[in-house]
Amino acid sequence: MVHDGQLLAVFNSAHRVMKAENILKKNGITILLIPAPRALSTDCGLAIRFNGDLLDTVLQELTSENLLPAIIYRKISDSNYEPIWKP
């Protein structure tokens, strides 16, 4: 479940999203790997969910590993998401 205000990092492949999950969890960042909501178009069907206050930390860790997501969305209501970051 994704609550309003939470962020979803979407990647181009299942391999990349699972690698990102491992990196973030190893660094103690609170995230959850979830099936991507139907409202989002994803290549791999998975997304990393995290709270908005962790955006800078998530991007910093993934940048250091050259593993940035394809796009990050913020849930704004029901099944509505707005893109908030793209490389």
N, C-alpha and C. Protein backbone atom coordinates (compact mmCIF):
# COMPACT_ATOMS: atom_id res chain seq x y z
N MET A 1 0.84 -1.18 0.00
CA MET A 1 0.00 0.00 0.00
C MET A 1 0.88 1.24 0.00
N VAL A 2 0.46 2.23 -0.76
CA VAL A 2 1.19 3.49 -0.85
C VAL A 2 0.28 4.58 -0.30
N HIS A 3 0.79 5.33 0.67
CA HIS A 3 0.02 6.41 1.28
C HIS A 3 0.30 7.73 0.56
N ASP A 4 -0.66 8.64 0.63
CA ASP A 4 -0.46 9.96 0.03
C ASP A 4 0.82 10.57 0.55
N GLY A 5 1.60 11.15 -0.36
CA GLY A 5 2.86 11.78 0.00
C GLY A 5 4.07 10.88 -0.09
N GLN A 6 3.86 9.57 -0.11
CA GLN A 6 5.00 8.66 -0.23
C GLN A 6 5.53 8.67 -1.66
N LEU A 7 6.79 8.29 -1.80
CA LEU A 7 7.46 8.31 -3.09
C LEU A 7 7.69 6.89 -3.61
N LEU A 8 7.71 6.77 -4.92
CA LEU A 8 7.99 5.50 -5.58
C LEU A 8 9.10 5.70 -6.60
N ALA A 9 10.18 4.97 -6.44
CA ALA A 9 11.28 4.98 -7.40
C ALA A 9 11.06 3.82 -8.35
N VAL A 10 11.02 4.13 -9.65
CA VAL A 10 10.76 3.14 -10.69
C VAL A 10 12.03 2.96 -11.51
N PHE A 11 12.37 1.71 -11.78
CA PHE A 11 13.59 1.38 -12.52
C PHE A 11 13.25 0.69 -13.84
N ASN A 12 14.25 0.57 -14.71
CA ASN A 12 14.05 -0.01 -16.03
C ASN A 12 14.10 -1.53 -16.06
N SER A 13 14.53 -2.15 -14.97
CA SER A 13 14.61 -3.61 -14.95
C SER A 13 14.48 -4.13 -13.53
N ALA A 14 14.04 -5.36 -13.42
CA ALA A 14 13.92 -6.00 -12.10
C ALA A 14 15.29 -6.12 -11.45
N HIS A 15 16.31 -6.40 -12.23
CA HIS A 15 17.67 -6.53 -11.70
C HIS A 15 18.11 -5.22 -11.02
N ARG A 16 17.87 -4.10 -11.68
CA ARG A 16 18.29 -2.81 -11.13
C ARG A 16 17.51 -2.45 -9.86
N VAL A 17 16.22 -2.70 -9.85
CA VAL A 17 15.42 -2.36 -8.68
C VAL A 17 15.82 -3.22 -7.47
N MET A 18 16.11 -4.49 -7.71
CA MET A 18 16.53 -5.36 -6.59
C MET A 18 17.92 -4.99 -6.10
N LYS A 19 18.81 -4.60 -7.00
CA LYS A 19 20.13 -4.15 -6.58
C LYS A 19 20.02 -2.86 -5.76
N ALA A 20 19.15 -1.94 -6.21
CA ALA A 20 18.93 -0.70 -5.46
C ALA A 20 18.37 -1.00 -4.08
N GLU A 21 17.44 -1.94 -4.00
CA GLU A 21 16.87 -2.32 -2.71
C GLU A 21 17.97 -2.78 -1.76
N ASN A 22 18.85 -3.64 -2.24
CA ASN A 22 19.94 -4.14 -1.39
C ASN A 22 20.86 -3.02 -0.92
N ILE A 23 21.21 -2.11 -1.80
CA ILE A 23 22.09 -0.99 -1.45
C ILE A 23 21.45 -0.12 -0.38
N LEU A 24 20.20 0.24 -0.58
CA LEU A 24 19.52 1.12 0.37
C LEU A 24 19.33 0.47 1.72
N LYS A 25 18.96 -0.80 1.73
CA LYS A 25 18.77 -1.50 3.01
C LYS A 25 20.10 -1.68 3.74
N LYS A 26 21.18 -1.96 3.02
CA LYS A 26 22.50 -2.10 3.65
C LYS A 26 22.92 -0.81 4.34
N ASN A 27 22.46 0.32 3.81
CA ASN A 27 22.80 1.62 4.38
C ASN A 27 21.77 2.10 5.40
N GLY A 28 20.87 1.21 5.80
CA GLY A 28 19.93 1.52 6.87
C GLY A 28 18.79 2.44 6.48
N ILE A 29 18.52 2.55 5.19
CA ILE A 29 17.45 3.43 4.73
C ILE A 29 16.15 2.63 4.69
N THR A 30 15.10 3.18 5.28
CA THR A 30 13.82 2.49 5.37
C THR A 30 13.07 2.60 4.04
N ILE A 31 13.03 1.47 3.32
CA ILE A 31 12.34 1.40 2.03
C ILE A 31 11.59 0.07 1.98
N LEU A 32 10.74 -0.07 0.97
CA LEU A 32 10.03 -1.33 0.77
C LEU A 32 9.90 -1.57 -0.72
N LEU A 33 10.26 -2.75 -1.17
CA LEU A 33 10.08 -3.15 -2.55
C LEU A 33 8.64 -3.63 -2.71
N ILE A 34 7.91 -3.02 -3.65
CA ILE A 34 6.49 -3.34 -3.82
C ILE A 34 6.17 -3.54 -5.30
N PRO A 35 5.06 -4.21 -5.59
CA PRO A 35 4.59 -4.22 -6.98
C PRO A 35 4.20 -2.79 -7.37
N ALA A 36 4.59 -2.38 -8.55
CA ALA A 36 4.25 -1.02 -8.99
C ALA A 36 2.74 -0.90 -9.17
N PRO A 37 2.16 0.20 -8.71
CA PRO A 37 0.72 0.40 -8.90
C PRO A 37 0.36 0.40 -10.39
N ARG A 38 -0.84 -0.04 -10.70
CA ARG A 38 -1.30 -0.09 -12.09
C ARG A 38 -1.27 1.27 -12.77
N ALA A 39 -1.45 2.32 -11.99
CA ALA A 39 -1.48 3.67 -12.56
C ALA A 39 -0.13 4.10 -13.14
N LEU A 40 0.94 3.39 -12.78
CA LEU A 40 2.28 3.73 -13.26
C LEU A 40 2.71 2.77 -14.36
N SER A 41 3.35 3.31 -15.34
CA SER A 41 3.89 2.48 -16.41
C SER A 41 5.32 2.11 -16.04
N THR A 42 5.57 0.82 -15.83
CA THR A 42 6.92 0.38 -15.48
C THR A 42 7.32 -0.79 -16.35
N ASP A 43 8.62 -0.90 -16.61
CA ASP A 43 9.13 -2.01 -17.40
C ASP A 43 9.25 -3.29 -16.59
N CYS A 44 9.50 -3.15 -15.29
CA CYS A 44 9.76 -4.35 -14.49
C CYS A 44 8.63 -4.72 -13.55
N GLY A 45 7.66 -3.84 -13.33
CA GLY A 45 6.53 -4.15 -12.47
C GLY A 45 6.79 -3.99 -10.99
N LEU A 46 7.97 -3.47 -10.62
CA LEU A 46 8.32 -3.27 -9.22
C LEU A 46 8.70 -1.82 -8.99
N ALA A 47 8.60 -1.39 -7.75
CA ALA A 47 9.01 -0.04 -7.37
C ALA A 47 9.52 -0.06 -5.94
N ILE A 48 10.32 0.92 -5.60
CA ILE A 48 10.78 1.09 -4.23
C ILE A 48 9.99 2.23 -3.61
N ARG A 49 9.30 1.91 -2.50
CA ARG A 49 8.50 2.90 -1.78
C ARG A 49 9.30 3.45 -0.61
N PHE A 50 9.22 4.78 -0.43
CA PHE A 50 9.89 5.40 0.72
C PHE A 50 9.22 6.74 1.02
N ASN A 51 9.50 7.25 2.20
CA ASN A 51 8.92 8.53 2.62
C ASN A 51 9.66 9.70 1.98
N GLY A 52 8.93 10.77 1.74
CA GLY A 52 9.47 11.93 1.04
C GLY A 52 10.68 12.56 1.69
N ASP A 53 10.78 12.48 3.00
CA ASP A 53 11.92 13.08 3.68
C ASP A 53 13.23 12.35 3.40
N LEU A 54 13.16 11.18 2.77
CA LEU A 54 14.36 10.40 2.46
C LEU A 54 14.83 10.60 1.02
N LEU A 55 14.17 11.46 0.25
CA LEU A 55 14.51 11.61 -1.16
C LEU A 55 15.98 11.92 -1.39
N ASP A 56 16.51 12.93 -0.71
CA ASP A 56 17.91 13.30 -0.91
C ASP A 56 18.86 12.16 -0.54
N THR A 57 18.57 11.46 0.54
CA THR A 57 19.40 10.35 0.98
C THR A 57 19.37 9.21 -0.03
N VAL A 58 18.18 8.86 -0.51
CA VAL A 58 18.04 7.79 -1.50
C VAL A 58 18.81 8.15 -2.77
N LEU A 59 18.63 9.37 -3.26
CA LEU A 59 19.33 9.78 -4.48
C LEU A 59 20.85 9.80 -4.28
N GLN A 60 21.29 10.23 -3.13
CA GLN A 60 22.73 10.26 -2.85
C GLN A 60 23.32 8.86 -2.87
N GLU A 61 22.68 7.92 -2.20
CA GLU A 61 23.18 6.54 -2.15
C GLU A 61 23.17 5.89 -3.54
N LEU A 62 22.09 6.10 -4.28
CA LEU A 62 22.00 5.48 -5.60
C LEU A 62 22.94 6.14 -6.61
N THR A 63 23.17 7.44 -6.47
CA THR A 63 24.12 8.14 -7.34
C THR A 63 25.52 7.59 -7.12
N SER A 64 25.89 7.35 -5.87
CA SER A 64 27.23 6.84 -5.58
C SER A 64 27.46 5.45 -6.16
N GLU A 65 26.38 4.72 -6.43
CA GLU A 65 26.47 3.38 -7.00
C GLU A 65 26.13 3.38 -8.51
N ASN A 66 25.94 4.58 -9.08
CA ASN A 66 25.57 4.71 -10.50
C ASN A 66 24.33 3.88 -10.82
N LEU A 67 23.30 4.02 -9.98
CA LEU A 67 22.11 3.19 -10.09
C LEU A 67 20.84 4.02 -9.89
N LEU A 68 20.77 5.14 -10.57
CA LEU A 68 19.61 6.01 -10.41
C LEU A 68 18.36 5.40 -11.03
N PRO A 69 17.20 5.68 -10.45
CA PRO A 69 15.94 5.18 -11.01
C PRO A 69 15.62 5.90 -12.32
N ALA A 70 14.68 5.33 -13.08
CA ALA A 70 14.23 5.96 -14.32
C ALA A 70 13.39 7.19 -14.00
N ILE A 71 12.62 7.12 -12.91
CA ILE A 71 11.75 8.22 -12.51
C ILE A 71 11.30 7.99 -11.07
N ILE A 72 10.98 9.07 -10.38
CA ILE A 72 10.41 8.98 -9.03
C ILE A 72 9.08 9.72 -9.05
N TYR A 73 8.07 9.06 -8.50
CA TYR A 73 6.72 9.62 -8.41
C TYR A 73 6.35 9.88 -6.96
N ARG A 74 5.44 10.84 -6.75
CA ARG A 74 4.83 11.08 -5.44
C ARG A 74 3.34 10.76 -5.58
N LYS A 75 2.81 9.99 -4.62
CA LYS A 75 1.38 9.72 -4.63
C LYS A 75 0.67 10.95 -4.11
N ILE A 76 -0.32 11.43 -4.89
CA ILE A 76 -1.03 12.63 -4.47
C ILE A 76 -2.45 12.33 -4.02
N SER A 77 -3.05 11.24 -4.53
CA SER A 77 -4.37 10.81 -4.07
C SER A 77 -4.74 9.52 -4.78
N ASP A 78 -5.63 8.77 -4.18
CA ASP A 78 -6.12 7.50 -4.74
C ASP A 78 -5.11 6.85 -5.68
N SER A 79 -5.38 6.87 -6.97
CA SER A 79 -4.44 6.27 -7.92
C SER A 79 -3.77 7.35 -8.77
N ASN A 80 -3.57 8.53 -8.18
CA ASN A 80 -2.92 9.64 -8.89
C ASN A 80 -1.50 9.83 -8.37
N TYR A 81 -0.58 9.88 -9.32
CA TYR A 81 0.84 10.04 -9.00
C TYR A 81 1.41 11.16 -9.86
N GLU A 82 2.30 11.96 -9.27
CA GLU A 82 2.95 13.00 -10.04
C GLU A 82 4.45 12.71 -10.11
N PRO A 83 5.05 12.86 -11.30
CA PRO A 83 6.50 12.68 -11.38
C PRO A 83 7.18 13.85 -10.68
N ILE A 84 8.16 13.55 -9.85
CA ILE A 84 8.84 14.63 -9.13
C ILE A 84 10.34 14.67 -9.42
N TRP A 85 10.87 13.60 -10.01
CA TRP A 85 12.30 13.56 -10.30
C TRP A 85 12.55 12.65 -11.49
N LYS A 86 13.45 13.10 -12.37
CA LYS A 86 13.86 12.28 -13.51
C LYS A 86 15.29 12.69 -13.86
N PRO A 87 16.16 11.72 -14.13
CA PRO A 87 17.56 12.09 -14.44
C PRO A 87 17.68 12.88 -15.74
